[in-house]
Amino acid sequence: MAATESTMLALGTAAPAFSLPDVSTGQLRQLSELAGGKAVLVIFLCAHCPYVVHVAPELARLCKDYAGRPLAIVGITANDIAAYPQDAPEPTARFAQEAGLNFPILFDEDQSVARAYSAACTPDFFLFDAAHRLFYRGQIDSSRPGRGPERPGQGTLNGADLRAALDAVLEGRPAQETQRPSIGCGIKWKPGNTPAFSR
């Protein structure tokens, strides 16, 4: 498993707007429609990444635990599906349903939204406040997937870092001073499309 860290985009950055199709329905969804007046958690993910598979149970728990709060959650998949067809909309929708990820997942086919967010890995988490300014970017927690029986996973999957950020932004408290980068598989850029921050 090649490991790539998130770029740690500057806090306070405005959430880049997007209009992308939902992997389940093909319906275009926009940031303004999904997150108007709410904090918003944008997660770059993909169906085949072992790091995403590892955190999926906690993402499903987060959906339930924060339901009814002024928070929107949206996933975005941006991998090159010519090289990684398992990350195309249909298998991504199937993965999300099986994993219990009850939030919209959108398909960034031309990868422009991933570039706008400086997304580098899967999973890559970007939490914006209700004014859609970046409040937290980093790991879900300190756990990591296992790499075979000789290299078991590390830490407990409990969403501790992300949950602390979610609670802070929803309660109007300051952002955490220490934010550790997420780590995962590098986004699979199309040939000639790799941004400078991922080289």
C-alpha atoms as a PDB file:
ATOM      1  CA  MET A   1       0.000   0.000   0.000  1.00  0.00           C
ATOM      2  CA  ALA A   2       1.571   3.286  -1.059  1.00  0.00           C
ATOM      3  CA  ALA A   3       0.928   5.912   1.609  1.00  0.00           C
ATOM      4  CA  THR A   4       0.287   9.568   0.762  1.00  0.00           C
ATOM      5  CA  GLU A   5      -0.391  12.341   3.292  1.00  0.00           C
ATOM      6  CA  SER A   6      -2.953  15.102   2.860  1.00  0.00           C
ATOM      7  CA  THR A   7      -1.655  18.518   1.818  1.00  0.00           C
ATOM      8  CA  MET A   8      -3.009  20.324   4.907  1.00  0.00           C
ATOM      9  CA  LEU A   9      -4.705  23.152   3.030  1.00  0.00           C
ATOM     10  CA  ALA A  10      -4.612  26.460   4.943  1.00  0.00           C
ATOM     11  CA  LEU A  11      -7.266  26.826   7.631  1.00  0.00           C
ATOM     12  CA  GLY A  12      -9.802  29.507   6.767  1.00  0.00           C
ATOM     13  CA  THR A  13      -9.751  28.622   3.065  1.00  0.00           C
ATOM     14  CA  ALA A  14     -13.180  29.036   1.461  1.00  0.00           C
ATOM     15  CA  ALA A  15     -14.799  25.788   0.324  1.00  0.00           C
ATOM     16  CA  PRO A  16     -14.494  25.577  -3.478  1.00  0.00           C
ATOM     17  CA  ALA A  17     -17.910  25.340  -5.119  1.00  0.00           C
ATOM     18  CA  PHE A  18     -18.829  22.262  -7.120  1.00  0.00           C
ATOM     19  CA  SER A  19     -21.600  20.766  -9.210  1.00  0.00           C
ATOM     20  CA  LEU A  20     -21.084  17.027  -9.625  1.00  0.00           C
ATOM     21  CA  PRO A  21     -23.250  13.977 -10.393  1.00  0.00           C
ATOM     22  CA  ASP A  22     -24.300  11.614  -7.619  1.00  0.00           C
ATOM     23  CA  VAL A  23     -22.861   8.131  -8.175  1.00  0.00           C
ATOM     24  CA  SER A  24     -26.219   6.536  -7.317  1.00  0.00           C
ATOM     25  CA  THR A  25     -28.640   8.687  -9.265  1.00  0.00           C
ATOM     26  CA  GLY A  26     -26.597  10.733 -11.737  1.00  0.00           C
ATOM     27  CA  GLN A  27     -28.339  13.836 -10.363  1.00  0.00           C
ATOM     28  CA  LEU A  28     -26.169  16.951 -10.226  1.00  0.00           C
ATOM     29  CA  ARG A  29     -25.547  18.104  -6.664  1.00  0.00           C
ATOM     30  CA  GLN A  30     -24.056  21.433  -5.637  1.00  0.00           C
ATOM     31  CA  LEU A  31     -22.204  22.519  -2.521  1.00  0.00           C
ATOM     32  CA  SER A  32     -24.665  25.381  -1.965  1.00  0.00           C
ATOM     33  CA  GLU A  33     -27.630  22.993  -2.107  1.00  0.00           C
ATOM     34  CA  LEU A  34     -26.075  20.333   0.108  1.00  0.00           C
ATOM     35  CA  ALA A  35     -24.612  22.562   2.781  1.00  0.00           C
ATOM     36  CA  GLY A  36     -26.466  25.872   2.799  1.00  0.00           C
ATOM     37  CA  GLY A  37     -26.186  27.313   6.312  1.00  0.00           C
ATOM     38  CA  LYS A  38     -24.551  24.182   7.721  1.00  0.00           C
ATOM     39  CA  ALA A  39     -21.072  23.021   8.530  1.00  0.00           C
ATOM     40  CA  VAL A  40     -19.951  20.626   5.818  1.00  0.00           C
ATOM     41  CA  LEU A  41     -17.602  17.668   5.831  1.00  0.00           C
ATOM     42  CA  VAL A  42     -16.160  16.873   2.403  1.00  0.00           C
ATOM     43  CA  ILE A  43     -14.492  13.467   2.137  1.00  0.00           C
ATOM     44  CA  PHE A  44     -12.431  12.412  -0.852  1.00  0.00           C
ATOM     45  CA  LEU A  45     -12.671   8.636  -1.057  1.00  0.00           C
ATOM     46  CA  CYS A  46     -12.736   5.697  -3.438  1.00  0.00           C
ATOM     47  CA  ALA A  47     -14.166   2.210  -3.367  1.00  0.00           C
ATOM     48  CA  HIS A  48     -10.986   0.165  -3.723  1.00  0.00           C
ATOM     49  CA  CYS A  49      -8.647   1.947  -1.288  1.00  0.00           C
ATOM     50  CA  PRO A  50      -7.796  -0.165   1.796  1.00  0.00           C
ATOM     51  CA  TYR A  51      -7.559   2.992   3.899  1.00  0.00           C
ATOM     52  CA  VAL A  52     -11.114   3.944   2.923  1.00  0.00           C
ATOM     53  CA  VAL A  53     -12.351   0.400   3.539  1.00  0.00           C
ATOM     54  CA  HIS A  54     -10.697   0.594   6.963  1.00  0.00           C
ATOM     55  CA  VAL A  55     -12.460   3.834   8.003  1.00  0.00           C
ATOM     56  CA  ALA A  56     -15.827   3.036   6.399  1.00  0.00           C
ATOM     57  CA  PRO A  57     -17.370   1.522   9.573  1.00  0.00           C
ATOM     58  CA  GLU A  58     -16.540   4.688  11.513  1.00  0.00           C
ATOM     59  CA  LEU A  59     -17.923   6.880   8.735  1.00  0.00           C
ATOM     60  CA  ALA A  60     -21.167   4.930   8.943  1.00  0.00           C
ATOM     61  CA  ARG A  61     -21.252   5.488  12.716  1.00  0.00           C
ATOM     62  CA  LEU A  62     -20.562   9.197  12.256  1.00  0.00           C
ATOM     63  CA  CYS A  63     -23.545   9.485   9.915  1.00  0.00           C
ATOM     64  CA  LYS A  64     -25.812   8.068  12.605  1.00  0.00           C
ATOM     65  CA  ASP A  65     -24.274   9.937  15.531  1.00  0.00           C
ATOM     66  CA  TYR A  66     -24.452  13.366  13.865  1.00  0.00           C
ATOM     67  CA  ALA A  67     -27.805  12.922  12.152  1.00  0.00           C
ATOM     68  CA  GLY A  68     -30.089  15.849  12.866  1.00  0.00           C
ATOM     69  CA  ARG A  69     -27.197  18.208  13.593  1.00  0.00           C
ATOM     70  CA  PRO A  70     -26.465  21.238  11.362  1.00  0.00           C
ATOM     71  CA  LEU A  71     -23.894  19.254   9.419  1.00  0.00           C
ATOM     72  CA  ALA A  72     -23.802  18.090   5.812  1.00  0.00           C
ATOM     73  CA  ILE A  73     -21.555  15.211   4.778  1.00  0.00           C
ATOM     74  CA  VAL A  74     -20.585  14.609   1.168  1.00  0.00           C
ATOM     75  CA  GLY A  75     -18.138  12.201  -0.416  1.00  0.00           C
ATOM     76  CA  ILE A  76     -16.297  12.802  -3.668  1.00  0.00           C
ATOM     77  CA  THR A  77     -14.565  10.154  -5.756  1.00  0.00           C
ATOM     78  CA  ALA A  78     -12.047  11.441  -8.277  1.00  0.00           C
ATOM     79  CA  ASN A  79      -9.821   8.557  -9.353  1.00  0.00           C
ATOM     80  CA  ASP A  80      -9.040   7.904 -13.024  1.00  0.00           C
ATOM     81  CA  ILE A  81     -11.611   5.214 -13.805  1.00  0.00           C
ATOM     82  CA  ALA A  82      -9.905   4.258 -17.062  1.00  0.00           C
ATOM     83  CA  ALA A  83      -7.060   2.888 -14.943  1.00  0.00           C
ATOM     84  CA  TYR A  84      -9.190   2.003 -11.884  1.00  0.00           C
ATOM     85  CA  PRO A  85     -12.645   0.907 -13.120  1.00  0.00           C
ATOM     86  CA  GLN A  86     -13.506  -0.336  -9.622  1.00  0.00           C
ATOM     87  CA  ASP A  87     -13.831   3.339  -8.634  1.00  0.00           C
ATOM     88  CA  ALA A  88     -16.406   4.166 -11.313  1.00  0.00           C
ATOM     89  CA  PRO A  89     -19.816   5.418 -10.153  1.00  0.00           C
ATOM     90  CA  GLU A  90     -21.650   2.062 -10.152  1.00  0.00           C
ATOM     91  CA  PRO A  91     -19.148   0.106  -8.009  1.00  0.00           C
ATOM     92  CA  THR A  92     -18.708   3.158  -5.777  1.00  0.00           C
ATOM     93  CA  ALA A  93     -22.468   3.328  -5.195  1.00  0.00           C
ATOM     94  CA  ARG A  94     -22.497  -0.398  -4.406  1.00  0.00           C
ATOM     95  CA  PHE A  95     -19.603  -0.019  -1.959  1.00  0.00           C
ATOM     96  CA  ALA A  96     -21.322   2.900  -0.215  1.00  0.00           C
ATOM     97  CA  GLN A  97     -24.581   0.990   0.152  1.00  0.00           C
ATOM     98  CA  GLU A  98     -22.852  -2.096   1.520  1.00  0.00           C
ATOM     99  CA  ALA A  99     -20.792   0.010   3.941  1.00  0.00           C
ATOM    100  CA  GLY A 100     -23.800   1.994   5.180  1.00  0.00           C
ATOM    101  CA  LEU A 101     -22.444   5.337   4.004  1.00  0.00           C
ATOM    102  CA  ASN A 102     -25.691   7.294   4.034  1.00  0.00           C
ATOM    103  CA  PHE A 103     -24.435  10.508   2.501  1.00  0.00           C
ATOM    104  CA  PRO A 104     -24.219  11.572  -1.140  1.00  0.00           C
ATOM    105  CA  ILE A 105     -21.095  10.530  -3.011  1.00  0.00           C
ATOM    106  CA  LEU A 106     -20.311  12.511  -6.126  1.00  0.00           C
ATOM    107  CA  PHE A 107     -18.149  11.727  -9.163  1.00  0.00           C
ATOM    108  CA  ASP A 108     -15.431  14.216 -10.073  1.00  0.00           C
ATOM    109  CA  GLU A 109     -14.696  12.827 -13.523  1.00  0.00           C
ATOM    110  CA  ASP A 110     -12.350  15.570 -14.717  1.00  0.00           C
ATOM    111  CA  GLN A 111     -10.673  15.803 -11.278  1.00  0.00           C
ATOM    112  CA  SER A 112     -11.084  19.582 -11.193  1.00  0.00           C
ATOM    113  CA  VAL A 113     -12.766  19.556  -7.786  1.00  0.00           C
ATOM    114  CA  ALA A 114     -10.046  17.372  -6.262  1.00  0.00           C
ATOM    115  CA  ARG A 115      -7.481  19.822  -7.600  1.00  0.00           C
ATOM    116  CA  ALA A 116      -9.440  22.803  -6.234  1.00  0.00           C
ATOM    117  CA  TYR A 117      -9.462  21.237  -2.761  1.00  0.00           C
ATOM    118  CA  SER A 118      -5.792  20.155  -3.007  1.00  0.00           C
ATOM    119  CA  ALA A 119      -7.004  16.639  -2.228  1.00  0.00           C
ATOM    120  CA  ALA A 120      -4.058  14.255  -2.264  1.00  0.00           C
ATOM    121  CA  CYS A 121      -5.189  10.945  -0.798  1.00  0.00           C
ATOM    122  CA  THR A 122      -8.118   8.720   0.032  1.00  0.00           C
ATOM    123  CA  PRO A 123      -9.520   9.315   2.520  1.00  0.00           C
ATOM    124  CA  ASP A 124      -8.907  13.062   2.701  1.00  0.00           C
ATOM    125  CA  PHE A 125     -11.143  15.015   5.095  1.00  0.00           C
ATOM    126  CA  PHE A 126     -12.062  18.708   4.841  1.00  0.00           C
ATOM    127  CA  LEU A 127     -14.390  20.148   7.508  1.00  0.00           C
ATOM    128  CA  PHE A 128     -15.801  23.621   6.865  1.00  0.00           C
ATOM    129  CA  ASP A 129     -17.766  25.766   9.300  1.00  0.00           C
ATOM    130  CA  ALA A 130     -21.215  27.176   8.576  1.00  0.00           C
ATOM    131  CA  ALA A 131     -19.588  30.067   6.688  1.00  0.00           C
ATOM    132  CA  HIS A 132     -17.809  27.406   4.601  1.00  0.00           C
ATOM    133  CA  ARG A 133     -14.316  28.288   5.824  1.00  0.00           C
ATOM    134  CA  LEU A 134     -11.892  25.447   6.445  1.00  0.00           C
ATOM    135  CA  PHE A 135     -11.949  24.479  10.121  1.00  0.00           C
ATOM    136  CA  TYR A 136     -10.213  21.098  10.130  1.00  0.00           C
ATOM    137  CA  ARG A 137      -8.271  18.966   7.699  1.00  0.00           C
ATOM    138  CA  GLY A 138      -6.501  15.829   8.725  1.00  0.00           C
ATOM    139  CA  GLN A 139      -6.867  12.300   9.958  1.00  0.00           C
ATOM    140  CA  ILE A 140     -10.024  10.668  11.207  1.00  0.00           C
ATOM    141  CA  ASP A 141      -7.984   9.167  14.050  1.00  0.00           C
ATOM    142  CA  SER A 142      -4.615   7.507  14.623  1.00  0.00           C
ATOM    143  CA  SER A 143      -5.703   4.051  13.420  1.00  0.00           C
ATOM    144  CA  ARG A 144      -4.300   2.526  10.254  1.00  0.00           C
ATOM    145  CA  PRO A 145      -5.309  -0.560   8.281  1.00  0.00           C
ATOM    146  CA  GLY A 146      -3.352  -3.763   8.682  1.00  0.00           C
ATOM    147  CA  ARG A 147      -0.896  -4.752   5.990  1.00  0.00           C
ATOM    148  CA  GLY A 148      -1.191  -8.491   6.280  1.00  0.00           C
ATOM    149  CA  PRO A 149      -0.867 -10.772   9.328  1.00  0.00           C
ATOM    150  CA  GLU A 150       2.777  -9.823   9.838  1.00  0.00           C
ATOM    151  CA  ARG A 151       1.886  -6.101  10.026  1.00  0.00           C
ATOM    152  CA  PRO A 152      -1.342  -5.614  11.971  1.00  0.00           C
ATOM    153  CA  GLY A 153      -3.158  -2.294  11.950  1.00  0.00           C
ATOM    154  CA  GLN A 154      -2.290   0.351  14.503  1.00  0.00           C
ATOM    155  CA  GLY A 155      -4.543   2.267  16.867  1.00  0.00           C
ATOM    156  CA  THR A 156      -8.269   2.067  17.492  1.00  0.00           C
ATOM    157  CA  LEU A 157     -10.781   3.083  14.853  1.00  0.00           C
ATOM    158  CA  ASN A 158     -12.896   5.560  16.829  1.00  0.00           C
ATOM    159  CA  GLY A 159     -12.873   8.773  14.773  1.00  0.00           C
ATOM    160  CA  ALA A 160     -11.375  10.649  17.738  1.00  0.00           C
ATOM    161  CA  ASP A 161      -9.682  13.471  15.813  1.00  0.00           C
ATOM    162  CA  LEU A 162     -12.535  14.108  13.404  1.00  0.00           C
ATOM    163  CA  ARG A 163     -15.193  13.807  16.103  1.00  0.00           C
ATOM    164  CA  ALA A 164     -13.363  16.375  18.245  1.00  0.00           C
ATOM    165  CA  ALA A 165     -13.328  18.758  15.272  1.00  0.00           C
ATOM    166  CA  LEU A 166     -17.005  18.124  14.505  1.00  0.00           C
ATOM    167  CA  ASP A 167     -18.009  18.775  18.095  1.00  0.00           C
ATOM    168  CA  ALA A 168     -15.931  21.959  18.208  1.00  0.00           C
ATOM    169  CA  VAL A 169     -17.313  23.436  14.995  1.00  0.00           C
ATOM    170  CA  LEU A 170     -20.906  22.563  15.921  1.00  0.00           C
ATOM    171  CA  GLU A 171     -20.521  24.042  19.411  1.00  0.00           C
ATOM    172  CA  GLY A 172     -18.796  27.234  18.228  1.00  0.00           C
ATOM    173  CA  ARG A 173     -15.457  26.432  19.847  1.00  0.00           C
ATOM    174  CA  PRO A 174     -12.060  27.172  18.244  1.00  0.00           C
ATOM    175  CA  ALA A 175     -10.392  24.714  15.920  1.00  0.00           C
ATOM    176  CA  GLN A 176      -7.889  22.252  17.330  1.00  0.00           C
ATOM    177  CA  GLU A 177      -4.366  23.650  17.386  1.00  0.00           C
ATOM    178  CA  THR A 178      -2.819  20.307  16.479  1.00  0.00           C
ATOM    179  CA  GLN A 179      -4.165  18.755  13.306  1.00  0.00           C
ATOM    180  CA  ARG A 180      -2.407  15.692  11.930  1.00  0.00           C
ATOM    181  CA  PRO A 181      -2.593  14.891   8.207  1.00  0.00           C
ATOM    182  CA  SER A 182      -4.740  12.126   6.884  1.00  0.00           C
ATOM    183  CA  ILE A 183      -2.914   9.306   5.182  1.00  0.00           C
ATOM    184  CA  GLY A 184      -4.074   6.958   2.465  1.00  0.00           C
ATOM    185  CA  CYS A 185      -3.665   5.922  -1.126  1.00  0.00           C
ATOM    186  CA  GLY A 186      -2.709   8.761  -3.436  1.00  0.00           C
ATOM    187  CA  ILE A 187      -5.469   9.977  -5.722  1.00  0.00           C
ATOM    188  CA  LYS A 188      -5.085   8.291  -9.113  1.00  0.00           C
ATOM    189  CA  TRP A 189      -4.660  11.240 -11.447  1.00  0.00           C
ATOM    190  CA  LYS A 190      -5.281  10.998 -15.144  1.00  0.00           C
ATOM    191  CA  PRO A 191      -2.167  11.070 -17.343  1.00  0.00           C
ATOM    192  CA  GLY A 192      -0.871  14.611 -17.522  1.00  0.00           C
ATOM    193  CA  ASN A 193      -3.281  15.779 -14.815  1.00  0.00           C
ATOM    194  CA  THR A 194      -1.152  15.355 -11.690  1.00  0.00           C
ATOM    195  CA  PRO A 195      -1.112  18.650  -9.765  1.00  0.00           C
ATOM    196  CA  ALA A 196       2.143  20.060  -8.423  1.00  0.00           C
ATOM    197  CA  PHE A 197       1.195  19.293  -4.819  1.00  0.00           C
ATOM    198  CA  SER A 198       1.005  15.546  -5.594  1.00  0.00           C
ATOM    199  CA  ARG A 199       4.291  15.222  -7.443  1.00  0.00           C
END
